[in-house]
Amino acid sequence: MHNLRLHLLPHQLAVCRLAKEDTLPTWVLASPFFVLARTQEELSVVCSQDIVPQGVLSEGGWRVLQVQGPLDFNLTGVLASLLNPLAAAGISTFAISTYDTDFVLVKENALQESLHALQTAGHTVVVAT
């Protein structure tokens, strides 16, 4: 298992579901953090919850923990070392990976419990300002 350094980002995010045929939304560009994923079934958007237009199916209230990177592609078990203690604590997660690093989203109402579970598992959490 890894002992990772995590940064708690200040953003509160929403995970949105758009139709698979929708065009990429321009409103997402106003978010300081966003991720787009298109599959054969949907277009998912993760972005600041305060920019999501009315009528868009979304789940807000997510906070972001960023693994300090960059991470080597040969590393194994990075997400497992984060998700396992959170799962053991009964905390729901949403994971995102990029070229350089991984992000774990937890709900705001479970944030303190999440931080405690991660720190107990040997990780360090830094609050970003």
N, C-alpha and C. Protein backbone atom coordinates (compact mmCIF):
# COMPACT_ATOMS: atom_id res chain seq x y z
N MET A 1 0.84 -1.19 0.00
CA MET A 1 0.00 0.00 0.00
C MET A 1 0.88 1.24 0.00
N HIS A 2 0.31 2.30 -0.55
CA HIS A 2 1.05 3.56 -0.66
C HIS A 2 0.62 4.52 0.44
N ASN A 3 1.55 5.32 0.92
CA ASN A 3 1.24 6.46 1.77
C ASN A 3 1.35 7.69 0.88
N LEU A 4 0.22 8.26 0.57
CA LEU A 4 0.15 9.32 -0.43
C LEU A 4 -0.08 10.67 0.21
N ARG A 5 0.33 11.70 -0.51
CA ARG A 5 0.05 13.08 -0.13
C ARG A 5 -1.12 13.54 -0.98
N LEU A 6 -2.19 13.97 -0.31
CA LEU A 6 -3.41 14.40 -0.98
C LEU A 6 -3.66 15.88 -0.73
N HIS A 7 -4.20 16.53 -1.73
CA HIS A 7 -4.57 17.94 -1.60
C HIS A 7 -6.09 18.04 -1.69
N LEU A 8 -6.71 18.60 -0.67
CA LEU A 8 -8.14 18.85 -0.69
C LEU A 8 -8.36 20.16 -1.43
N LEU A 9 -8.97 20.08 -2.60
CA LEU A 9 -9.20 21.27 -3.41
C LEU A 9 -10.43 22.02 -2.91
N PRO A 10 -10.48 23.33 -3.15
CA PRO A 10 -11.57 24.14 -2.59
C PRO A 10 -12.90 24.02 -3.34
N HIS A 11 -12.90 23.40 -4.50
CA HIS A 11 -14.10 23.35 -5.32
C HIS A 11 -15.15 22.39 -4.76
N GLN A 12 -16.40 22.77 -4.91
CA GLN A 12 -17.50 21.84 -4.68
C GLN A 12 -18.05 21.50 -6.06
N LEU A 13 -18.08 20.22 -6.39
CA LEU A 13 -18.38 19.79 -7.75
C LEU A 13 -19.73 19.12 -7.87
N ALA A 14 -20.17 19.03 -9.13
CA ALA A 14 -21.36 18.26 -9.49
C ALA A 14 -20.96 17.26 -10.57
N VAL A 15 -21.58 16.11 -10.54
CA VAL A 15 -21.42 15.12 -11.59
C VAL A 15 -22.72 15.16 -12.39
N CYS A 16 -22.59 15.46 -13.68
CA CYS A 16 -23.76 15.67 -14.54
C CYS A 16 -23.86 14.59 -15.60
N ARG A 17 -25.09 14.28 -15.98
CA ARG A 17 -25.33 13.32 -17.05
C ARG A 17 -26.11 14.01 -18.16
N LEU A 18 -25.49 14.01 -19.34
CA LEU A 18 -26.14 14.55 -20.53
C LEU A 18 -26.40 13.40 -21.50
N ALA A 19 -27.21 13.65 -22.50
CA ALA A 19 -27.51 12.63 -23.49
C ALA A 19 -26.27 12.32 -24.32
N LYS A 20 -26.18 11.08 -24.78
CA LYS A 20 -25.00 10.66 -25.53
C LYS A 20 -24.79 11.48 -26.79
N GLU A 21 -25.85 12.02 -27.36
CA GLU A 21 -25.73 12.78 -28.61
C GLU A 21 -25.53 14.28 -28.38
N ASP A 22 -25.56 14.74 -27.13
CA ASP A 22 -25.37 16.17 -26.85
C ASP A 22 -23.98 16.62 -27.27
N THR A 23 -23.89 17.89 -27.68
CA THR A 23 -22.59 18.47 -28.00
C THR A 23 -21.88 18.81 -26.68
N LEU A 24 -20.57 18.99 -26.76
CA LEU A 24 -19.83 19.36 -25.57
C LEU A 24 -20.31 20.71 -25.08
N PRO A 25 -20.72 20.81 -23.82
CA PRO A 25 -21.28 22.06 -23.31
C PRO A 25 -20.21 23.13 -23.10
N THR A 26 -20.48 24.33 -23.59
CA THR A 26 -19.51 25.42 -23.42
C THR A 26 -19.51 25.97 -21.99
N TRP A 27 -20.62 25.80 -21.27
CA TRP A 27 -20.68 26.34 -19.91
C TRP A 27 -19.65 25.69 -18.99
N VAL A 28 -19.23 24.48 -19.31
CA VAL A 28 -18.26 23.78 -18.46
C VAL A 28 -16.91 24.49 -18.44
N LEU A 29 -16.61 25.26 -19.48
CA LEU A 29 -15.32 25.94 -19.57
C LEU A 29 -15.12 26.99 -18.48
N ALA A 30 -16.20 27.41 -17.84
CA ALA A 30 -16.10 28.40 -16.76
C ALA A 30 -15.65 27.77 -15.44
N SER A 31 -15.56 26.45 -15.39
CA SER A 31 -15.19 25.75 -14.16
C SER A 31 -13.67 25.66 -14.03
N PRO A 32 -13.11 25.91 -12.83
CA PRO A 32 -11.66 25.77 -12.66
C PRO A 32 -11.20 24.31 -12.69
N PHE A 33 -12.13 23.39 -12.52
CA PHE A 33 -11.85 21.95 -12.59
C PHE A 33 -13.00 21.32 -13.35
N PHE A 34 -12.68 20.62 -14.44
CA PHE A 34 -13.75 19.89 -15.13
C PHE A 34 -13.18 18.68 -15.85
N VAL A 35 -14.05 17.69 -16.03
CA VAL A 35 -13.74 16.45 -16.73
C VAL A 35 -14.93 16.11 -17.60
N LEU A 36 -14.65 15.72 -18.84
CA LEU A 36 -15.69 15.27 -19.77
C LEU A 36 -15.42 13.82 -20.13
N ALA A 37 -16.46 13.01 -20.18
CA ALA A 37 -16.32 11.62 -20.61
C ALA A 37 -17.53 11.25 -21.45
N ARG A 38 -17.27 10.82 -22.67
CA ARG A 38 -18.36 10.37 -23.54
C ARG A 38 -18.25 8.86 -23.71
N THR A 39 -19.38 8.18 -23.55
CA THR A 39 -19.47 6.75 -23.81
C THR A 39 -20.58 6.52 -24.82
N GLN A 40 -20.85 5.29 -25.12
CA GLN A 40 -21.95 4.98 -26.04
C GLN A 40 -23.30 5.25 -25.40
N GLU A 41 -23.33 5.40 -24.08
CA GLU A 41 -24.59 5.60 -23.37
C GLU A 41 -24.84 7.03 -22.89
N GLU A 42 -23.77 7.82 -22.71
CA GLU A 42 -23.95 9.13 -22.08
C GLU A 42 -22.76 10.05 -22.33
N LEU A 43 -22.98 11.32 -21.97
CA LEU A 43 -21.91 12.30 -21.86
C LEU A 43 -21.92 12.75 -20.40
N SER A 44 -20.84 12.45 -19.69
CA SER A 44 -20.73 12.85 -18.29
C SER A 44 -19.84 14.07 -18.17
N VAL A 45 -20.23 14.97 -17.28
CA VAL A 45 -19.48 16.19 -17.01
C VAL A 45 -19.30 16.29 -15.50
N VAL A 46 -18.07 16.53 -15.08
CA VAL A 46 -17.77 16.84 -13.68
C VAL A 46 -17.24 18.26 -13.68
N CYS A 47 -17.89 19.14 -12.91
CA CYS A 47 -17.51 20.56 -12.91
C CYS A 47 -18.01 21.23 -11.65
N SER A 48 -17.67 22.51 -11.49
CA SER A 48 -18.16 23.28 -10.35
C SER A 48 -19.68 23.24 -10.34
N GLN A 49 -20.24 22.95 -9.18
CA GLN A 49 -21.68 22.80 -9.13
C GLN A 49 -22.42 24.11 -9.37
N ASP A 50 -21.78 25.23 -9.11
CA ASP A 50 -22.48 26.51 -9.26
C ASP A 50 -22.65 26.96 -10.71
N ILE A 51 -22.06 26.25 -11.69
CA ILE A 51 -22.24 26.65 -13.08
C ILE A 51 -23.19 25.72 -13.85
N VAL A 52 -23.67 24.68 -13.20
CA VAL A 52 -24.55 23.72 -13.87
C VAL A 52 -25.90 24.38 -14.14
N PRO A 53 -26.31 24.42 -15.41
CA PRO A 53 -27.59 25.06 -15.74
C PRO A 53 -28.78 24.31 -15.15
N GLN A 54 -29.85 25.06 -14.91
CA GLN A 54 -31.11 24.45 -14.47
C GLN A 54 -31.53 23.39 -15.47
N GLY A 55 -32.10 22.32 -14.99
CA GLY A 55 -32.61 21.28 -15.87
C GLY A 55 -31.61 20.21 -16.25
N VAL A 56 -30.33 20.39 -15.90
CA VAL A 56 -29.32 19.37 -16.20
C VAL A 56 -29.33 18.35 -15.06
N LEU A 57 -29.46 17.08 -15.41
CA LEU A 57 -29.44 16.03 -14.41
C LEU A 57 -28.06 16.01 -13.76
N SER A 58 -28.02 16.23 -12.44
CA SER A 58 -26.71 16.31 -11.77
C SER A 58 -26.83 15.92 -10.31
N GLU A 59 -25.69 15.56 -9.76
CA GLU A 59 -25.55 15.23 -8.34
C GLU A 59 -24.44 16.12 -7.81
N GLY A 60 -24.80 17.08 -6.97
CA GLY A 60 -23.82 18.03 -6.45
C GLY A 60 -23.28 17.62 -5.10
N GLY A 61 -22.48 18.50 -4.53
CA GLY A 61 -21.97 18.29 -3.19
C GLY A 61 -20.73 17.43 -3.09
N TRP A 62 -19.96 17.31 -4.17
CA TRP A 62 -18.74 16.50 -4.16
C TRP A 62 -17.53 17.38 -3.86
N ARG A 63 -16.59 16.87 -3.07
CA ARG A 63 -15.31 17.52 -2.81
C ARG A 63 -14.20 16.68 -3.44
N VAL A 64 -13.08 17.34 -3.77
CA VAL A 64 -12.01 16.71 -4.54
C VAL A 64 -10.74 16.54 -3.71
N LEU A 65 -10.24 15.32 -3.69
CA LEU A 65 -8.92 15.03 -3.11
C LEU A 65 -8.01 14.65 -4.26
N GLN A 66 -6.97 15.44 -4.47
CA GLN A 66 -6.02 15.21 -5.56
C GLN A 66 -4.76 14.56 -5.01
N VAL A 67 -4.37 13.44 -5.63
CA VAL A 67 -3.12 12.79 -5.27
C VAL A 67 -1.97 13.62 -5.82
N GLN A 68 -0.99 13.92 -4.97
CA GLN A 68 0.16 14.67 -5.45
C GLN A 68 0.88 13.84 -6.50
N GLY A 69 1.07 14.42 -7.64
CA GLY A 69 1.71 13.72 -8.75
C GLY A 69 2.89 14.54 -9.25
N PRO A 70 3.39 14.16 -10.39
CA PRO A 70 2.86 13.12 -11.28
C PRO A 70 3.18 11.72 -10.76
N LEU A 71 2.29 10.80 -11.14
CA LEU A 71 2.45 9.40 -10.78
C LEU A 71 3.00 8.63 -11.97
N ASP A 72 3.86 7.69 -11.69
CA ASP A 72 4.41 6.83 -12.73
C ASP A 72 3.34 5.84 -13.17
N PHE A 73 3.22 5.61 -14.46
CA PHE A 73 2.22 4.67 -14.98
C PHE A 73 2.44 3.25 -14.49
N ASN A 74 3.63 2.92 -14.03
CA ASN A 74 3.92 1.57 -13.56
C ASN A 74 3.48 1.34 -12.11
N LEU A 75 3.09 2.40 -11.41
CA LEU A 75 2.62 2.22 -10.03
C LEU A 75 1.31 1.43 -10.04
N THR A 76 1.17 0.56 -9.07
CA THR A 76 -0.07 -0.20 -8.94
C THR A 76 -0.67 0.04 -7.56
N GLY A 77 -1.97 -0.03 -7.47
CA GLY A 77 -2.65 0.05 -6.20
C GLY A 77 -2.84 1.44 -5.64
N VAL A 78 -2.59 2.47 -6.43
CA VAL A 78 -2.74 3.84 -5.92
C VAL A 78 -4.19 4.09 -5.52
N LEU A 79 -5.10 3.87 -6.44
CA LEU A 79 -6.51 4.10 -6.12
C LEU A 79 -6.99 3.14 -5.03
N ALA A 80 -6.55 1.91 -5.08
CA ALA A 80 -6.95 0.94 -4.06
C ALA A 80 -6.54 1.41 -2.67
N SER A 81 -5.36 2.01 -2.54
CA SER A 81 -4.90 2.47 -1.23
C SER A 81 -5.76 3.61 -0.69
N LEU A 82 -6.49 4.28 -1.57
CA LEU A 82 -7.40 5.35 -1.15
C LEU A 82 -8.83 4.84 -1.00
N LEU A 83 -9.27 4.07 -1.98
CA LEU A 83 -10.66 3.65 -2.00
C LEU A 83 -10.98 2.59 -0.96
N ASN A 84 -10.02 1.70 -0.66
CA ASN A 84 -10.28 0.65 0.33
C ASN A 84 -10.59 1.20 1.71
N PRO A 85 -9.81 2.14 2.26
CA PRO A 85 -10.17 2.67 3.58
C PRO A 85 -11.49 3.46 3.56
N LEU A 86 -11.77 4.11 2.44
CA LEU A 86 -13.03 4.84 2.34
C LEU A 86 -14.21 3.87 2.28
N ALA A 87 -14.05 2.80 1.52
CA ALA A 87 -15.11 1.78 1.45
C ALA A 87 -15.32 1.13 2.82
N ALA A 88 -14.22 0.85 3.51
CA ALA A 88 -14.33 0.24 4.84
C ALA A 88 -15.08 1.15 5.81
N ALA A 89 -14.99 2.46 5.60
CA ALA A 89 -15.70 3.43 6.43
C ALA A 89 -17.11 3.69 5.92
N GLY A 90 -17.51 3.01 4.85
CA GLY A 90 -18.86 3.18 4.30
C GLY A 90 -19.06 4.46 3.52
N ILE A 91 -17.98 4.99 2.94
CA ILE A 91 -18.03 6.27 2.24
C ILE A 91 -18.06 6.03 0.74
N SER A 92 -19.04 6.60 0.08
CA SER A 92 -19.18 6.52 -1.37
C SER A 92 -18.15 7.43 -2.03
N THR A 93 -17.59 6.96 -3.15
CA THR A 93 -16.55 7.73 -3.85
C THR A 93 -16.85 7.81 -5.34
N PHE A 94 -16.17 8.72 -5.98
CA PHE A 94 -16.18 8.87 -7.44
C PHE A 94 -14.74 9.15 -7.81
N ALA A 95 -14.12 8.29 -8.61
CA ALA A 95 -12.70 8.42 -8.93
C ALA A 95 -12.50 8.91 -10.35
N ILE A 96 -11.47 9.72 -10.53
CA ILE A 96 -11.08 10.25 -11.84
C ILE A 96 -9.57 10.11 -11.96
N SER A 97 -9.11 9.67 -13.11
CA SER A 97 -7.67 9.61 -13.36
C SER A 97 -7.33 10.46 -14.56
N THR A 98 -6.16 11.11 -14.49
CA THR A 98 -5.64 11.88 -15.61
C THR A 98 -4.25 11.35 -15.94
N TYR A 99 -3.60 11.97 -16.88
CA TYR A 99 -2.26 11.54 -17.27
C TYR A 99 -1.30 11.59 -16.08
N ASP A 100 -1.38 12.66 -15.29
CA ASP A 100 -0.42 12.87 -14.21
C ASP A 100 -0.81 12.28 -12.87
N THR A 101 -2.12 12.18 -12.58
CA THR A 101 -2.49 11.83 -11.21
C THR A 101 -3.90 11.27 -11.13
N ASP A 102 -4.34 11.04 -9.90
CA ASP A 102 -5.69 10.54 -9.61
C ASP A 102 -6.40 11.52 -8.70
N PHE A 103 -7.71 11.50 -8.80
CA PHE A 103 -8.58 12.33 -7.97
C PHE A 103 -9.65 11.44 -7.38
N VAL A 104 -9.96 11.66 -6.11
CA VAL A 104 -11.06 10.95 -5.48
C VAL A 104 -12.05 12.00 -4.98
N LEU A 105 -13.30 11.83 -5.38
CA LEU A 105 -14.36 12.73 -4.94
C LEU A 105 -15.16 12.04 -3.85
N VAL A 106 -15.45 12.80 -2.80
CA VAL A 106 -16.30 12.33 -1.71
C VAL A 106 -17.34 13.41 -1.47
N LYS A 107 -18.47 13.00 -0.93
CA LYS A 107 -19.53 13.97 -0.66
C LYS A 107 -19.12 14.89 0.50
N GLU A 108 -19.53 16.15 0.40
CA GLU A 108 -19.23 17.15 1.43
C GLU A 108 -19.67 16.67 2.81
N ASN A 109 -20.84 16.03 2.90
CA ASN A 109 -21.34 15.61 4.21
C ASN A 109 -20.54 14.44 4.80
N ALA A 110 -19.65 13.83 4.03
CA ALA A 110 -18.79 12.76 4.52
C ALA A 110 -17.32 13.18 4.51
N LEU A 111 -17.06 14.46 4.32
CA LEU A 111 -15.68 14.92 4.15
C LEU A 111 -14.81 14.66 5.39
N GLN A 112 -15.27 15.05 6.55
CA GLN A 112 -14.45 14.89 7.75
C GLN A 112 -14.19 13.42 8.05
N GLU A 113 -15.20 12.58 7.87
CA GLU A 113 -15.03 11.15 8.06
C GLU A 113 -14.05 10.57 7.03
N SER A 114 -14.13 11.10 5.81
CA SER A 114 -13.21 10.66 4.74
C SER A 114 -11.78 11.02 5.08
N LEU A 115 -11.56 12.25 5.51
CA LEU A 115 -10.21 12.69 5.87
C LEU A 115 -9.65 11.85 7.00
N HIS A 116 -10.49 11.56 7.98
CA HIS A 116 -10.05 10.73 9.10
C HIS A 116 -9.67 9.33 8.62
N ALA A 117 -10.49 8.73 7.77
CA ALA A 117 -10.21 7.37 7.27
C ALA A 117 -8.91 7.35 6.47
N LEU A 118 -8.68 8.36 5.67
CA LEU A 118 -7.47 8.42 4.85
C LEU A 118 -6.22 8.65 5.71
N GLN A 119 -6.33 9.54 6.69
CA GLN A 119 -5.19 9.80 7.56
C GLN A 119 -4.88 8.58 8.43
N THR A 120 -5.91 7.88 8.88
CA THR A 120 -5.72 6.66 9.66
C THR A 120 -5.01 5.60 8.83
N ALA A 121 -5.27 5.60 7.51
CA ALA A 121 -4.63 4.64 6.59
C ALA A 121 -3.20 5.06 6.23
N GLY A 122 -2.73 6.19 6.76
CA GLY A 122 -1.33 6.60 6.54
C GLY A 122 -1.13 7.68 5.50
N HIS A 123 -2.22 8.23 4.96
CA HIS A 123 -2.09 9.28 3.96
C HIS A 123 -2.03 10.65 4.65
N THR A 124 -1.44 11.60 3.96
CA THR A 124 -1.36 12.98 4.44
C THR A 124 -2.30 13.82 3.60
N VAL A 125 -3.11 14.66 4.26
CA VAL A 125 -4.05 15.52 3.55
C VAL A 125 -3.66 16.97 3.80
N VAL A 126 -3.51 17.73 2.70
CA VAL A 126 -3.20 19.16 2.77
C VAL A 126 -4.41 19.91 2.20
N VAL A 127 -4.86 20.91 2.94
CA VAL A 127 -5.99 21.71 2.47
C VAL A 127 -5.47 22.80 1.57
N ALA A 128 -5.90 22.79 0.30
CA ALA A 128 -5.48 23.82 -0.67
C ALA A 128 -6.23 25.11 -0.39
N THR A 129 -5.54 26.22 -0.62
CA THR A 129 -6.17 27.52 -0.41
C THR A 129 -6.29 28.27 -1.71
